[in-house]
N, C-alpha and C. Protein backbone atom coordinates (compact mmCIF):
# COMPACT_ATOMS: atom_id res chain seq x y z
N MET A 1 -0.66 9.31 -13.88
CA MET A 1 -1.53 10.85 -13.44
C MET A 1 -0.30 11.37 -12.43
N ASN A 2 0.74 11.18 -11.63
CA ASN A 2 1.57 11.37 -10.95
C ASN A 2 2.17 11.92 -11.74
N LYS A 3 3.14 11.39 -12.77
CA LYS A 3 3.72 11.87 -14.12
C LYS A 3 3.57 13.38 -14.25
N LEU A 4 2.02 13.31 -14.62
CA LEU A 4 1.43 14.26 -15.26
C LEU A 4 1.79 15.68 -14.44
N LEU A 5 1.21 15.50 -12.75
CA LEU A 5 1.06 16.54 -12.26
C LEU A 5 2.87 16.63 -11.70
N THR A 6 3.42 16.06 -11.83
CA THR A 6 5.14 16.42 -11.60
C THR A 6 5.35 17.19 -12.49
N THR A 7 5.12 16.78 -13.37
CA THR A 7 5.73 17.66 -15.12
C THR A 7 5.28 19.07 -15.34
N ILE A 8 3.93 19.15 -14.77
CA ILE A 8 2.91 20.13 -14.81
C ILE A 8 3.66 21.18 -14.09
N THR A 9 3.64 20.73 -12.71
CA THR A 9 4.22 21.91 -11.41
C THR A 9 5.81 21.98 -11.93
N LEU A 10 6.37 21.38 -12.26
CA LEU A 10 8.06 21.72 -12.67
C LEU A 10 7.84 22.89 -13.96
N LEU A 11 6.93 22.26 -14.85
CA LEU A 11 6.88 23.84 -15.91
C LEU A 11 6.81 24.82 -15.04
N GLY A 12 5.70 24.94 -14.19
CA GLY A 12 5.43 25.87 -13.99
C GLY A 12 6.42 26.77 -12.89
N LEU A 13 7.01 25.88 -12.11
CA LEU A 13 8.27 26.36 -11.19
C LEU A 13 9.45 26.74 -12.55
N SER A 14 9.35 26.60 -12.97
CA SER A 14 10.39 26.94 -14.53
C SER A 14 10.26 27.96 -15.14
N SER A 15 9.05 28.39 -15.09
CA SER A 15 8.52 29.70 -15.70
C SER A 15 8.75 31.13 -14.88
N CYS A 16 8.53 30.83 -13.70
CA CYS A 16 8.80 31.42 -12.86
C CYS A 16 10.03 32.50 -12.77
N GLU A 17 9.91 33.90 -12.92
CA GLU A 17 10.68 35.15 -13.49
C GLU A 17 10.89 35.34 -11.70
N SER A 18 12.14 35.16 -11.22
CA SER A 18 13.00 35.75 -9.77
C SER A 18 13.06 37.35 -10.43
N THR A 19 12.48 38.15 -9.13
CA THR A 19 12.15 39.61 -9.24
C THR A 19 14.21 40.23 -8.41
N VAL A 20 14.74 39.27 -8.01
CA VAL A 20 15.42 39.34 -6.93
C VAL A 20 16.76 39.76 -8.35
N GLY A 21 17.11 40.49 -8.13
CA GLY A 21 18.33 40.96 -9.29
C GLY A 21 19.86 41.00 -8.58
N PRO A 22 20.82 41.39 -9.31
CA PRO A 22 22.24 41.87 -8.84
C PRO A 22 22.35 42.48 -8.17
N SER A 23 23.22 42.10 -6.86
CA SER A 23 23.89 43.22 -5.99
C SER A 23 24.59 43.93 -6.39
N PHE A 24 23.99 45.08 -6.80
CA PHE A 24 25.01 46.08 -7.38
C PHE A 24 25.88 46.88 -6.44
N GLU A 25 25.74 47.04 -5.11
CA GLU A 25 26.90 47.47 -4.17
C GLU A 25 27.82 46.59 -3.75
N GLU A 26 27.17 45.62 -4.26
CA GLU A 26 28.19 44.58 -3.83
C GLU A 26 29.45 44.06 -5.29
N MET A 27 29.01 44.81 -6.48
CA MET A 27 29.84 44.38 -7.91
C MET A 27 31.29 45.09 -7.67
N SER A 28 31.85 44.57 -8.53
CA SER A 28 33.18 45.96 -8.39
C SER A 28 32.73 46.68 -9.81
N GLU A 29 34.42 47.57 -10.10
CA GLU A 29 33.82 48.18 -10.90
C GLU A 29 33.63 47.60 -12.30
N THR A 30 34.65 46.73 -12.14
CA THR A 30 34.70 45.67 -13.57
C THR A 30 33.55 45.33 -13.73
N GLU A 31 32.87 44.53 -13.03
CA GLU A 31 31.68 43.97 -13.11
C GLU A 31 30.47 44.89 -13.16
N LEU A 32 30.33 46.08 -12.94
CA LEU A 32 29.64 46.98 -13.11
C LEU A 32 29.54 47.62 -14.87
N VAL A 33 30.90 47.58 -15.12
CA VAL A 33 31.28 47.74 -16.50
C VAL A 33 30.80 46.93 -17.45
N THR A 34 31.10 45.48 -17.16
CA THR A 34 30.35 44.92 -17.84
C THR A 34 28.77 44.61 -17.98
N TYR A 35 28.34 44.77 -16.78
CA TYR A 35 27.07 44.37 -16.68
C TYR A 35 26.49 45.83 -17.81
N ASN A 36 26.73 47.06 -17.46
CA ASN A 36 26.12 48.28 -18.11
C ASN A 36 26.39 47.94 -19.63
N ALA A 37 27.31 47.44 -20.14
CA ALA A 37 28.13 47.27 -21.25
C ALA A 37 26.45 46.33 -22.24
N SER A 38 25.77 45.51 -21.11
CA SER A 38 25.07 44.93 -21.95
C SER A 38 23.48 45.29 -21.76
N VAL A 39 23.38 46.29 -21.04
CA VAL A 39 21.77 47.09 -21.03
C VAL A 39 21.61 48.40 -21.82
N PRO A 40 20.63 48.86 -21.64
CA PRO A 40 20.13 50.09 -22.25
C PRO A 40 20.71 51.06 -21.63
N VAL A 41 20.76 52.60 -21.84
CA VAL A 41 20.93 53.38 -21.16
C VAL A 41 20.09 53.48 -19.73
N ASP A 42 18.68 53.72 -19.77
CA ASP A 42 18.09 53.67 -18.94
C ASP A 42 18.36 52.57 -17.96
N GLU A 43 18.95 51.42 -18.21
CA GLU A 43 19.14 50.77 -17.51
C GLU A 43 20.39 50.29 -16.67
N LYS A 44 21.04 51.22 -17.19
CA LYS A 44 22.56 51.31 -16.69
C LYS A 44 22.82 51.75 -15.18
N VAL A 45 23.41 51.21 -14.63
CA VAL A 45 23.57 51.80 -12.97
C VAL A 45 25.15 52.08 -12.58
N VAL A 46 24.46 53.47 -11.80
CA VAL A 46 25.62 54.54 -11.76
C VAL A 46 25.61 54.16 -9.87
N CYS A 47 26.85 54.20 -9.45
CA CYS A 47 27.20 54.27 -8.03
C CYS A 47 27.99 55.70 -7.34
N GLN A 48 27.55 55.15 -6.15
CA GLN A 48 28.18 56.52 -5.25
C GLN A 48 29.01 55.53 -4.34
N GLU A 49 29.96 55.74 -4.03
CA GLU A 49 31.01 54.92 -3.26
C GLU A 49 30.83 55.49 -2.05
N ALA A 50 30.87 54.34 -1.21
CA ALA A 50 30.70 54.62 0.23
C ALA A 50 31.51 55.63 0.89
N TYR A 51 31.07 56.58 1.91
CA TYR A 51 32.20 57.71 2.50
C TYR A 51 31.34 58.00 4.17
N ALA A 52 32.56 58.57 4.61
CA ALA A 52 32.61 59.17 6.06
C ALA A 52 32.53 60.31 5.97
N ASP A 53 31.64 61.46 7.10
CA ASP A 53 31.94 62.68 6.71
C ASP A 53 30.93 63.63 8.15
N TRP A 54 31.74 64.17 8.23
CA TRP A 54 30.29 65.07 8.99
C TRP A 54 29.23 65.71 8.53
N ILE A 55 28.37 65.35 8.99
CA ILE A 55 26.74 65.71 8.19
C ILE A 55 25.66 66.17 9.43
N GLY A 56 25.10 67.15 9.12
CA GLY A 56 24.38 67.75 10.04
C GLY A 56 24.70 67.76 11.91
N GLY A 57 26.20 67.99 11.87
CA GLY A 57 26.53 67.78 13.13
C GLY A 57 27.26 66.53 13.42
N SER A 58 26.89 65.34 12.97
CA SER A 58 27.50 64.09 13.33
C SER A 58 28.15 63.38 12.32
N TYR A 59 29.56 62.28 12.48
CA TYR A 59 29.90 61.59 12.06
C TYR A 59 29.15 60.42 11.38
N ARG A 60 28.95 60.72 10.30
CA ARG A 60 27.78 59.63 9.60
C ARG A 60 28.70 58.36 8.30
N ARG A 61 28.55 57.22 8.52
CA ARG A 61 29.05 56.64 7.55
C ARG A 61 27.94 56.47 6.71
N ILE A 62 28.31 56.79 5.13
CA ILE A 62 27.55 56.43 4.11
C ILE A 62 27.65 54.87 3.05
N PRO A 63 26.86 54.12 3.21
CA PRO A 63 27.16 52.93 2.61
C PRO A 63 27.03 53.52 0.97
N LYS A 64 27.55 52.27 -0.13
CA LYS A 64 27.62 52.42 -1.01
C LYS A 64 26.20 52.49 -1.55
N ILE A 65 25.39 53.23 -2.49
CA ILE A 65 24.72 53.50 -3.06
C ILE A 65 24.36 53.39 -4.45
N CYS A 66 23.78 52.33 -5.21
CA CYS A 66 23.93 52.47 -7.07
C CYS A 66 22.28 52.56 -7.05
N ALA A 67 22.18 53.28 -8.49
CA ALA A 67 20.77 53.28 -8.81
C ALA A 67 20.60 53.29 -10.49
N THR A 68 19.67 52.89 -10.99
CA THR A 68 19.45 53.29 -12.40
C THR A 68 19.59 54.02 -13.22
N VAL A 69 19.93 54.21 -14.01
CA VAL A 69 19.41 55.80 -15.00
C VAL A 69 18.31 56.39 -14.69
N ARG A 70 17.19 55.29 -14.82
CA ARG A 70 15.97 55.36 -15.10
C ARG A 70 15.50 56.09 -13.64
N GLU A 71 15.96 55.26 -12.36
CA GLU A 71 15.58 55.46 -11.06
C GLU A 71 15.89 57.11 -11.15
N ILE A 72 17.45 57.08 -10.91
CA ILE A 72 17.87 58.63 -10.97
C ILE A 72 16.89 59.65 -11.72
N LYS A 73 16.74 59.67 -12.67
CA LYS A 73 15.92 60.26 -13.25
C LYS A 73 14.48 60.66 -12.81
N ARG A 74 13.41 59.04 -12.27
CA ARG A 74 12.17 59.56 -11.44
C ARG A 74 12.54 60.12 -10.18
N GLN A 75 13.66 59.99 -9.66
CA GLN A 75 13.94 60.78 -8.58
C GLN A 75 14.27 62.34 -8.22
N GLN A 76 14.67 62.11 -9.39
CA GLN A 76 15.03 64.07 -10.01
C GLN A 76 13.75 64.80 -10.34
N ARG A 77 12.52 64.05 -11.29
CA ARG A 77 11.33 64.32 -11.58
C ARG A 77 10.88 64.73 -10.29
N GLN A 78 10.79 64.16 -9.32
CA GLN A 78 9.80 63.47 -8.15
C GLN A 78 9.97 64.88 -7.31
N ALA A 79 11.57 65.01 -6.96
CA ALA A 79 12.01 66.45 -6.20
C ALA A 79 11.83 67.87 -6.83
N GLU A 80 11.85 67.41 -8.69
CA GLU A 80 11.09 68.93 -8.88
C GLU A 80 9.93 68.99 -8.97
N ALA A 81 9.11 67.78 -8.68
CA ALA A 81 7.98 68.14 -8.38
C ALA A 81 7.41 68.70 -7.23
N ASP A 82 7.86 67.79 -6.15
CA ASP A 82 8.03 68.18 -4.75
C ASP A 82 8.39 69.77 -4.87
N SER A 83 9.48 70.23 -5.23
CA SER A 83 9.48 71.89 -5.08
C SER A 83 8.61 72.36 -5.46
N VAL A 84 7.98 72.49 -6.60
CA VAL A 84 7.37 73.28 -7.52
C VAL A 84 6.09 73.08 -6.66
N ARG A 85 5.76 71.81 -5.91
CA ARG A 85 4.56 71.84 -4.86
C ARG A 85 4.72 72.82 -3.42
N THR A 86 6.17 73.03 -3.29
CA THR A 86 6.48 73.92 -2.03
C THR A 86 6.55 74.90 -2.44
N ASN A 87 6.60 75.21 -3.94
CA ASN A 87 7.13 76.70 -4.20
C ASN A 87 8.69 77.12 -3.52
N GLY A 88 9.07 75.71 -3.19
CA GLY A 88 10.63 76.41 -2.79
C GLY A 88 10.68 76.73 -1.33
N SER A 89 9.77 76.67 -0.53
CA SER A 89 9.80 77.07 0.87
C SER A 89 9.84 76.37 1.79
N GLY A 90 9.22 75.03 1.34
CA GLY A 90 8.77 74.18 2.44
C GLY A 90 7.71 73.88 2.65
N ALA A 91 6.83 74.67 2.23
CA ALA A 91 5.44 75.25 2.53
C ALA A 91 4.61 74.74 1.26
N ALA A 92 3.59 74.08 1.42
CA ALA A 92 2.48 73.29 0.32
C ALA A 92 1.78 74.02 0.21
N LEU A 93 1.82 74.23 -1.08
CA LEU A 93 0.97 75.12 -1.95
C LEU A 93 -0.36 74.79 -1.66
N PRO A 94 -1.21 75.84 -1.61
CA PRO A 94 -2.83 74.97 -1.77
C PRO A 94 -3.40 74.27 -2.79
N SER A 95 -4.04 73.26 -2.51
CA SER A 95 -4.38 72.51 -3.79
C SER A 95 -5.63 73.26 -4.23
N VAL A 96 -5.75 73.14 -5.75
CA VAL A 96 -7.00 73.48 -6.31
C VAL A 96 -7.75 72.29 -7.08
N VAL A 97 -9.31 72.30 -6.65
CA VAL A 97 -9.67 71.11 -7.11
C VAL A 97 -10.71 71.84 -7.94
N CYS A 98 -10.88 71.39 -9.25
CA CYS A 98 -12.03 72.04 -10.15
C CYS A 98 -12.86 71.12 -10.06
């Protein structure tokens, strides 16, 4: 009985899928190219390198930021929807409930 329980436990653990993916920010350019060659277009990763600059009157360091093409498209759609809702003025349009 103990062996059966151990076997079931091990099978259950081995079937768990890790949600932690690779750290794209830590990958070299070569590693990113190799990764992107193995995935569909929407899963390809695009990175903005780290930089430092004057932003809003203060000097800021911006870390390397990476995102998939799918995530970038989603953020663009969200920004466009937000812009339409606020009519580009920053003030929200009144909601109409039918």
